[in-house]
Amino acid sequence: MQENKYIPNDVLKSFLTSYEKGDIWQVHQLNEKWLIVFLFRNDQIETNKNLPVYQEMKDEYFKLVKHYLNSKFLSSAEISIQFDSKENFENKYQSNWYFYYH
């Protein structure tokens, strides 16, 4: 079986944008093990980070990783979610993705 090196863009985009509602501004994929969830405000992080939706997100992402990347992960527990906020992105990184990721 040929090993895939990436999740197709349309599949990944559909997954990431499906969670952009409520307190979630954006979701980004760092790599096969990490997602970043951007909430709107800093004060939302503590109250949101243990909500069931994030376990659902990890479970769904794990399925994509297993299917498209032929990963050796055993469970979604190996997927990590980091939380940040639009507020932090705008204030600390001047709303610039280059500054944020470099």
C-alpha atoms as a PDB file:
ATOM      1  CA  MET A   1       0.000   0.000   0.000  1.00  0.00           C
ATOM      2  CA  GLN A   2       1.326   3.430  -0.939  1.00  0.00           C
ATOM      3  CA  GLU A   3       1.939   5.696   2.019  1.00  0.00           C
ATOM      4  CA  ASN A   4       0.168   9.057   1.909  1.00  0.00           C
ATOM      5  CA  LYS A   5       2.174  12.064   2.975  1.00  0.00           C
ATOM      6  CA  TYR A   6      -0.700  14.447   3.629  1.00  0.00           C
ATOM      7  CA  ILE A   7      -4.386  14.775   4.257  1.00  0.00           C
ATOM      8  CA  PRO A   8      -5.956  16.180   1.062  1.00  0.00           C
ATOM      9  CA  ASN A   9      -6.554  19.927   1.361  1.00  0.00           C
ATOM     10  CA  ASP A  10     -10.297  19.726   0.762  1.00  0.00           C
ATOM     11  CA  VAL A  11     -10.720  17.037   3.435  1.00  0.00           C
ATOM     12  CA  LEU A  12      -8.553  18.884   5.951  1.00  0.00           C
ATOM     13  CA  LYS A  13     -10.231  22.224   5.287  1.00  0.00           C
ATOM     14  CA  SER A  14     -13.676  20.679   5.689  1.00  0.00           C
ATOM     15  CA  PHE A  15     -12.639  19.137   9.002  1.00  0.00           C
ATOM     16  CA  LEU A  16     -11.032  22.330  10.362  1.00  0.00           C
ATOM     17  CA  THR A  17     -13.838  24.685   9.329  1.00  0.00           C
ATOM     18  CA  SER A  18     -16.552  22.372  10.633  1.00  0.00           C
ATOM     19  CA  TYR A  19     -15.528  23.396  14.159  1.00  0.00           C
ATOM     20  CA  GLU A  20     -15.442  27.151  13.532  1.00  0.00           C
ATOM     21  CA  LYS A  21     -18.579  28.085  15.450  1.00  0.00           C
ATOM     22  CA  GLY A  22     -19.519  29.295  18.898  1.00  0.00           C
ATOM     23  CA  ASP A  23     -16.392  30.316  20.804  1.00  0.00           C
ATOM     24  CA  ILE A  24     -14.041  28.817  18.197  1.00  0.00           C
ATOM     25  CA  TRP A  25     -12.561  31.370  15.798  1.00  0.00           C
ATOM     26  CA  GLN A  26     -10.244  29.029  13.844  1.00  0.00           C
ATOM     27  CA  VAL A  27      -8.614  25.610  14.036  1.00  0.00           C
ATOM     28  CA  HIS A  28      -5.141  24.982  12.589  1.00  0.00           C
ATOM     29  CA  GLN A  29      -3.192  21.807  11.988  1.00  0.00           C
ATOM     30  CA  LEU A  30       0.447  21.987  13.081  1.00  0.00           C
ATOM     31  CA  ASN A  31       1.335  18.430  12.132  1.00  0.00           C
ATOM     32  CA  GLU A  32      -0.136  14.949  12.416  1.00  0.00           C
ATOM     33  CA  LYS A  33      -0.103  15.140  16.231  1.00  0.00           C
ATOM     34  CA  TRP A  34      -1.032  18.771  16.980  1.00  0.00           C
ATOM     35  CA  LEU A  35      -3.999  21.029  16.442  1.00  0.00           C
ATOM     36  CA  ILE A  36      -4.297  24.630  17.588  1.00  0.00           C
ATOM     37  CA  VAL A  37      -7.736  25.877  18.536  1.00  0.00           C
ATOM     38  CA  PHE A  38      -8.096  29.653  18.481  1.00  0.00           C
ATOM     39  CA  LEU A  39     -10.915  30.951  20.620  1.00  0.00           C
ATOM     40  CA  PHE A  40     -11.959  34.579  20.368  1.00  0.00           C
ATOM     41  CA  ARG A  41     -10.792  35.803  23.779  1.00  0.00           C
ATOM     42  CA  ASN A  42      -8.094  34.769  26.254  1.00  0.00           C
ATOM     43  CA  ASP A  43     -10.631  34.352  29.046  1.00  0.00           C
ATOM     44  CA  GLN A  44     -12.462  31.654  27.049  1.00  0.00           C
ATOM     45  CA  ILE A  45      -9.540  29.232  27.120  1.00  0.00           C
ATOM     46  CA  GLU A  46      -9.915  27.979  30.698  1.00  0.00           C
ATOM     47  CA  THR A  47     -13.682  27.583  30.465  1.00  0.00           C
ATOM     48  CA  ASN A  48     -13.567  25.853  27.072  1.00  0.00           C
ATOM     49  CA  LYS A  49     -10.555  23.541  27.084  1.00  0.00           C
ATOM     50  CA  ASN A  50     -12.239  20.608  28.820  1.00  0.00           C
ATOM     51  CA  LEU A  51     -15.482  20.636  26.825  1.00  0.00           C
ATOM     52  CA  PRO A  52     -16.474  17.365  25.072  1.00  0.00           C
ATOM     53  CA  VAL A  53     -16.248  18.982  21.636  1.00  0.00           C
ATOM     54  CA  TYR A  54     -12.457  18.887  21.851  1.00  0.00           C
ATOM     55  CA  GLN A  55     -12.379  15.134  22.458  1.00  0.00           C
ATOM     56  CA  GLU A  56     -14.713  14.764  19.487  1.00  0.00           C
ATOM     57  CA  MET A  57     -12.297  16.913  17.464  1.00  0.00           C
ATOM     58  CA  LYS A  58      -9.361  14.708  18.491  1.00  0.00           C
ATOM     59  CA  ASP A  59     -11.297  11.542  17.643  1.00  0.00           C
ATOM     60  CA  GLU A  60     -12.270  12.830  14.207  1.00  0.00           C
ATOM     61  CA  TYR A  61      -8.764  14.115  13.475  1.00  0.00           C
ATOM     62  CA  PHE A  62      -7.303  10.771  14.586  1.00  0.00           C
ATOM     63  CA  LYS A  63      -9.474   9.018  11.986  1.00  0.00           C
ATOM     64  CA  LEU A  64      -8.145  11.334   9.263  1.00  0.00           C
ATOM     65  CA  VAL A  65      -4.544  10.790  10.344  1.00  0.00           C
ATOM     66  CA  LYS A  66      -4.971   7.013  10.441  1.00  0.00           C
ATOM     67  CA  HIS A  67      -6.673   6.944   7.047  1.00  0.00           C
ATOM     68  CA  TYR A  68      -4.549   9.395   5.070  1.00  0.00           C
ATOM     69  CA  LEU A  69      -1.171   9.250   6.781  1.00  0.00           C
ATOM     70  CA  ASN A  70      -1.100   5.565   7.678  1.00  0.00           C
ATOM     71  CA  SER A  71      -0.018   6.655  11.121  1.00  0.00           C
ATOM     72  CA  LYS A  72       1.128   4.260  13.815  1.00  0.00           C
ATOM     73  CA  PHE A  73      -0.946   6.106  16.424  1.00  0.00           C
ATOM     74  CA  LEU A  74      -2.923   3.770  18.626  1.00  0.00           C
ATOM     75  CA  SER A  75      -5.600   6.213  19.765  1.00  0.00           C
ATOM     76  CA  SER A  76      -6.756   9.819  19.718  1.00  0.00           C
ATOM     77  CA  ALA A  77      -5.009  10.252  23.087  1.00  0.00           C
ATOM     78  CA  GLU A  78      -1.832  10.771  21.046  1.00  0.00           C
ATOM     79  CA  ILE A  79      -3.344  13.869  19.409  1.00  0.00           C
ATOM     80  CA  SER A  80      -2.724  17.120  21.278  1.00  0.00           C
ATOM     81  CA  ILE A  81      -4.724  20.317  21.181  1.00  0.00           C
ATOM     82  CA  GLN A  82      -3.126  23.639  22.038  1.00  0.00           C
ATOM     83  CA  PHE A  83      -5.367  26.586  22.822  1.00  0.00           C
ATOM     84  CA  ASP A  84      -4.804  30.209  21.920  1.00  0.00           C
ATOM     85  CA  SER A  85      -7.010  33.168  21.122  1.00  0.00           C
ATOM     86  CA  LYS A  86      -7.730  35.668  18.395  1.00  0.00           C
ATOM     87  CA  GLU A  87      -7.177  38.326  21.049  1.00  0.00           C
ATOM     88  CA  ASN A  88      -3.614  37.070  21.664  1.00  0.00           C
ATOM     89  CA  PHE A  89      -2.968  36.694  17.938  1.00  0.00           C
ATOM     90  CA  GLU A  90      -3.988  40.297  17.290  1.00  0.00           C
ATOM     91  CA  ASN A  91      -2.247  41.853  20.293  1.00  0.00           C
ATOM     92  CA  LYS A  92       0.992  39.867  20.462  1.00  0.00           C
ATOM     93  CA  TYR A  93       1.495  38.989  16.778  1.00  0.00           C
ATOM     94  CA  GLN A  94      -0.129  42.003  15.077  1.00  0.00           C
ATOM     95  CA  SER A  95      -2.596  39.643  13.316  1.00  0.00           C
ATOM     96  CA  ASN A  96       0.283  38.202  11.289  1.00  0.00           C
ATOM     97  CA  TRP A  97       0.503  34.443  10.785  1.00  0.00           C
ATOM     98  CA  TYR A  98       4.170  34.651   9.849  1.00  0.00           C
ATOM     99  CA  PHE A  99       5.003  36.235  13.211  1.00  0.00           C
ATOM    100  CA  TYR A 100       2.848  33.688  14.997  1.00  0.00           C
ATOM    101  CA  TYR A 101       4.458  30.625  13.455  1.00  0.00           C
ATOM    102  CA  HIS A 102       8.070  31.848  13.309  1.00  0.00           C
END
